[in-house]
Structure formats: C-alpha cells, structure tokens
Amino acid sequence: MTGFGEFLGYTFRLISGYFVDRTGKEWPVTILGYALLLSVPLLGFSTTWKVAAIFVLCERLGKAIRSPGKSSMLSHATKHVGTGFGFGILEAIDQLGALVGPLIFTFALTLTGTYKAGFKFMLIPALLTIAFVIYARITVPNPKELEDEIKSQTKVEIKDNKAVYTKKFINYSLFIFFSIVGFVNFPILSYHFLNKKLY
C-alpha cells in the first residue's frame, strides 16, 4: 500500500497538472489537495488496517493534487524575488516542515504512549495549514496579477491545437521514472527490519 501510494502520488500529478493548465483553476485544486491533509489525523480514528490504508492513499493523493497548482501559483508569486530564489525558499520551508512534523508527532507519542493519540494531535497543524491556504486564497485570488510582466515560455510544441511533447520532456520523464523505480522508502525498510529479514 505504501508503494502504491507513492506511485499514485507521482502519477496523478500529470492529471492534476493537465487539469490546472487547461482550466486555470489553481486555487480549487490546491485547496482540495491541502484539505486531504486531514487524512493524517484521521489515521488516529481508524480501527482496521484497511481503513488506515485508505487514509494513507488519500494523503499521497492530496499531495499529487495540490502540487501542480501550488507550483503554478508560485511561478507567478516568485517573479518579484526571482524564480530560483523563490522556489529555494519553498524547498527550505518544505524541509523544515519535514523535520518539525515528525518532532511534533514524536512529542505527542511520548506524552501519550499511543500512535493513535499522536495522529490525532496532528489535527492542529493540518487545520492551521488549511487555514493559511484559505487566507492566501482570499488575499490573492488571482496569482497571475502578481507578475509585472508575463513572459511566455513555450515548453511544448503546439501543432493542430494538440500538445506534442518534445524529446527533452520525454527523456526527462524517463530519467525521473528510472531514478525513482529503484527507490526504497522507510516504511518498506521498517517492515523488513521489524520482521528481521535484513539482518
């Protein structure tokens, strides 16, 4: 289920990105993706592994849904400070969250001694995140207006109103695919360590 969740998290970005590109509805898609963060604290209420698996898939799906819309809006918002610098700030904050999130969970787990209580405690950061996203939507309803000048950068060739992916895009996609296909994440490693199959 973990492997399928990772696969879903990367594959569905193509669908979400295509939808955002065609409709221009970055905010609804992004808000929906962040709303699925609620599946993390809901893990604390799951009673069977099947229900927990559904919540894990929902969390991965949420990341896949929100990523293209978020990146699209950031491309407009970062024009004032520089696109590279803006995305660098995003990655730094993202890594900070990847560090603080588990620390918060560990703190709750230490206090209560149960995983369920730890997951339930994650409801607070999940709600705060959704609140900030909604506040950003109210403050900046049209991210494209953040750009002083919109420079068109054609990333795909257009022929007969149909997008024809370039050779560079296909090669890059294949490179990403083969880079990730051999990646083993921690949930899979921890399962084998638990069953003492790696030593």
Protein backbone atom coordinates (compact mmCIF):
# COMPACT_ATOMS: atom_id res chain seq x y z
CA MET A 1 0.00 0.00 0.00
CA THR A 2 2.91 2.34 0.73
CA GLY A 3 4.48 1.65 -2.64
CA PHE A 4 1.16 2.11 -4.41
CA GLY A 5 0.62 5.36 -2.50
CA GLU A 6 3.97 6.71 -3.70
CA PHE A 7 3.17 5.64 -7.26
CA LEU A 8 -0.22 7.34 -7.03
CA GLY A 9 1.38 10.46 -5.55
CA TYR A 10 3.66 10.92 -8.54
CA THR A 11 1.46 9.65 -11.36
CA PHE A 12 -1.66 11.66 -10.52
CA ARG A 13 0.35 14.89 -10.76
CA LEU A 14 0.18 14.56 -14.54
CA ILE A 15 -3.62 14.51 -14.39
CA SER A 16 -3.83 17.33 -11.85
CA GLY A 17 -1.30 19.42 -13.76
CA TYR A 18 -3.14 18.93 -17.04
CA PHE A 19 -6.43 19.95 -15.40
CA VAL A 20 -4.90 23.08 -13.86
CA ASP A 21 -3.26 24.02 -17.16
CA ARG A 22 -6.50 23.60 -19.10
CA THR A 23 -8.91 25.22 -16.65
CA GLY A 24 -6.71 27.72 -14.82
CA LYS A 25 -8.36 26.71 -11.53
CA GLU A 26 -5.25 26.60 -9.39
CA TRP A 27 -6.93 27.58 -6.13
CA PRO A 28 -9.77 25.00 -6.02
CA VAL A 29 -7.37 22.19 -6.88
CA THR A 30 -4.75 23.36 -4.37
CA ILE A 31 -7.29 23.78 -1.56
CA LEU A 32 -8.70 20.30 -2.26
CA GLY A 33 -5.20 18.84 -2.11
CA TYR A 34 -4.46 20.51 1.22
CA ALA A 35 -7.85 19.50 2.61
CA LEU A 36 -6.80 15.87 2.14
CA LEU A 37 -4.16 16.50 4.83
CA LEU A 38 -6.99 15.74 7.24
CA SER A 39 -6.48 12.08 6.36
CA VAL A 40 -3.34 12.13 8.56
CA PRO A 41 -5.12 12.88 11.87
CA LEU A 42 -7.96 10.61 10.76
CA LEU A 43 -5.46 7.74 10.97
CA GLY A 44 -5.88 8.09 14.72
CA PHE A 45 -9.53 7.11 14.38
CA SER A 46 -9.00 4.12 12.08
CA THR A 47 -9.94 0.75 13.55
CA THR A 48 -8.60 -1.59 10.85
CA TRP A 49 -5.53 -1.61 8.62
CA LYS A 50 -7.79 -1.33 5.56
CA VAL A 51 -9.22 1.99 6.74
CA ALA A 52 -5.71 3.19 7.63
CA ALA A 53 -4.52 2.22 4.15
CA ILE A 54 -7.26 4.33 2.57
CA PHE A 55 -6.17 7.35 4.63
CA VAL A 56 -2.53 6.82 3.62
CA LEU A 57 -3.55 6.74 -0.05
CA CYS A 58 -5.68 9.87 0.45
CA GLU A 59 -2.69 11.73 1.91
CA ARG A 60 -0.49 10.78 -1.05
CA LEU A 61 -3.28 11.64 -3.48
CA GLY A 62 -3.69 15.03 -1.78
CA LYS A 63 -0.03 15.84 -2.39
CA ALA A 64 -0.39 14.85 -6.03
CA ILE A 65 -3.47 17.03 -6.46
CA ARG A 66 -2.08 20.19 -4.82
CA SER A 67 1.49 20.15 -6.15
CA PRO A 68 0.89 21.34 -9.75
CA GLY A 69 -1.49 24.14 -8.72
CA LYS A 70 0.83 25.26 -5.93
CA SER A 71 3.83 25.28 -8.25
CA SER A 72 1.89 27.19 -10.90
CA MET A 73 0.92 29.92 -8.43
CA LEU A 74 4.44 30.08 -7.03
CA SER A 75 5.80 30.65 -10.51
CA HIS A 76 3.79 33.88 -10.56
CA ALA A 77 4.45 34.88 -6.95
CA THR A 78 8.22 34.42 -7.15
CA LYS A 79 8.77 36.79 -10.07
CA HIS A 80 9.41 39.67 -7.66
CA VAL A 81 12.25 37.91 -5.81
CA GLY A 82 13.47 35.62 -8.58
CA THR A 83 12.00 32.26 -9.54
CA GLY A 84 15.01 30.23 -8.41
CA PHE A 85 15.27 32.04 -5.08
CA GLY A 86 11.51 31.75 -4.51
CA PHE A 87 11.47 28.01 -5.10
CA GLY A 88 14.59 27.72 -2.94
CA ILE A 89 12.64 29.30 -0.07
CA LEU A 90 9.81 26.85 -0.74
CA GLU A 91 12.15 23.86 -0.55
CA ALA A 92 13.77 25.17 2.64
CA ILE A 93 10.37 25.59 4.30
CA ASP A 94 9.29 22.20 2.99
CA GLN A 95 12.33 20.52 4.56
CA LEU A 96 11.73 22.42 7.79
CA GLY A 97 8.20 21.03 7.84
CA ALA A 98 9.57 17.54 7.15
CA LEU A 99 11.68 17.94 10.29
CA VAL A 100 9.18 19.68 12.58
CA GLY A 101 6.23 17.42 11.67
CA PRO A 102 7.82 14.18 12.93
CA LEU A 103 9.13 16.01 16.00
CA ILE A 104 5.58 17.14 16.87
CA PHE A 105 4.31 13.60 16.34
CA THR A 106 7.13 12.16 18.48
CA PHE A 107 6.33 14.68 21.22
CA ALA A 108 2.66 13.64 21.22
CA LEU A 109 3.63 9.96 21.10
CA THR A 110 5.97 10.43 24.07
CA LEU A 111 3.28 12.15 26.13
CA THR A 112 0.50 9.70 25.38
CA GLY A 113 2.34 6.49 24.55
CA THR A 114 -0.02 5.63 21.68
CA TYR A 115 0.22 6.16 17.95
CA LYS A 116 -3.47 6.97 17.69
CA ALA A 117 -3.12 9.94 20.02
CA GLY A 118 -0.06 11.08 18.07
CA PHE A 119 -2.02 11.07 14.80
CA LYS A 120 -4.95 12.86 16.41
CA PHE A 121 -2.58 15.58 17.65
CA MET A 122 -1.61 16.22 14.02
CA LEU A 123 -5.09 17.68 13.53
CA ILE A 124 -3.76 21.02 14.82
CA PRO A 125 -1.04 21.57 12.15
CA ALA A 126 -3.37 20.18 9.47
CA LEU A 127 -6.10 22.71 10.30
CA LEU A 128 -3.55 25.54 10.54
CA THR A 129 -2.21 24.66 7.09
CA ILE A 130 -5.67 24.63 5.53
CA ALA A 131 -6.49 27.94 7.26
CA PHE A 132 -3.35 29.58 5.84
CA VAL A 133 -4.14 28.32 2.34
CA ILE A 134 -7.69 29.70 2.53
CA TYR A 135 -6.31 33.02 3.84
CA ALA A 136 -3.90 33.15 0.90
CA ARG A 137 -6.81 32.46 -1.47
CA ILE A 138 -8.77 35.39 0.00
CA THR A 139 -5.74 37.69 -0.07
CA VAL A 140 -4.54 36.79 -3.57
CA PRO A 141 -7.48 35.46 -5.59
CA ASN A 142 -5.61 35.80 -8.89
CA PRO A 143 -1.91 34.87 -8.57
CA LYS A 144 -1.21 35.88 -12.17
CA GLU A 145 -1.65 39.51 -11.14
CA LEU A 146 1.50 39.22 -9.02
CA GLU A 147 3.57 39.26 -12.17
CA ASP A 148 4.52 42.63 -13.61
CA GLU A 149 5.11 41.07 -16.97
CA ILE A 150 4.07 37.64 -18.10
CA LYS A 151 6.74 36.16 -20.29
CA SER A 152 5.57 33.31 -22.42
CA GLN A 153 7.91 30.37 -22.29
CA THR A 154 6.76 27.59 -24.56
CA LYS A 155 7.60 24.23 -23.03
CA VAL A 156 5.69 22.13 -25.51
CA GLU A 157 5.22 22.46 -29.24
CA ILE A 158 1.68 23.14 -30.41
CA LYS A 159 0.57 21.52 -33.64
CA ASP A 160 -3.05 21.43 -34.76
CA ASN A 161 -4.17 22.58 -31.27
CA LYS A 162 -2.69 19.47 -29.73
CA ALA A 163 0.28 19.39 -27.36
CA VAL A 164 3.16 17.34 -28.74
CA TYR A 165 5.68 16.61 -26.02
CA THR A 166 9.24 17.39 -27.02
CA LYS A 167 12.08 14.88 -26.95
CA LYS A 168 13.63 16.68 -23.97
CA PHE A 169 10.44 16.32 -21.94
CA ILE A 170 10.15 12.61 -22.72
CA ASN A 171 13.81 11.96 -21.89
CA TYR A 172 13.48 13.89 -18.63
CA SER A 173 10.34 11.95 -17.68
CA LEU A 174 12.09 8.64 -18.39
CA PHE A 175 15.06 9.76 -16.30
CA ILE A 176 12.78 10.57 -13.35
CA PHE A 177 10.93 7.27 -13.74
CA PHE A 178 14.07 5.11 -13.70
CA SER A 179 15.54 7.18 -10.84
CA ILE A 180 12.50 6.54 -8.64
CA VAL A 181 11.72 2.96 -9.68
CA GLY A 182 14.55 1.60 -7.52
CA PHE A 183 13.88 3.87 -4.58
CA VAL A 184 13.02 2.08 -1.34
CA ASN A 185 11.33 4.27 1.25
CA PHE A 186 11.40 3.97 5.02
CA PRO A 187 8.01 2.23 5.54
CA ILE A 188 9.17 -0.70 3.42
CA LEU A 189 12.57 -0.84 5.16
CA SER A 190 10.96 -0.63 8.60
CA TYR A 191 8.63 -3.52 7.73
CA HIS A 192 11.57 -5.77 6.87
CA PHE A 193 13.55 -4.63 9.91
CA LEU A 194 10.54 -5.48 12.06
CA ASN A 195 10.43 -8.95 10.57
CA LYS A 196 14.23 -9.29 10.83
CA LYS A 197 14.64 -10.05 7.16
CA LEU A 198 17.51 -7.61 6.54
CA TYR A 199 19.93 -8.98 9.13
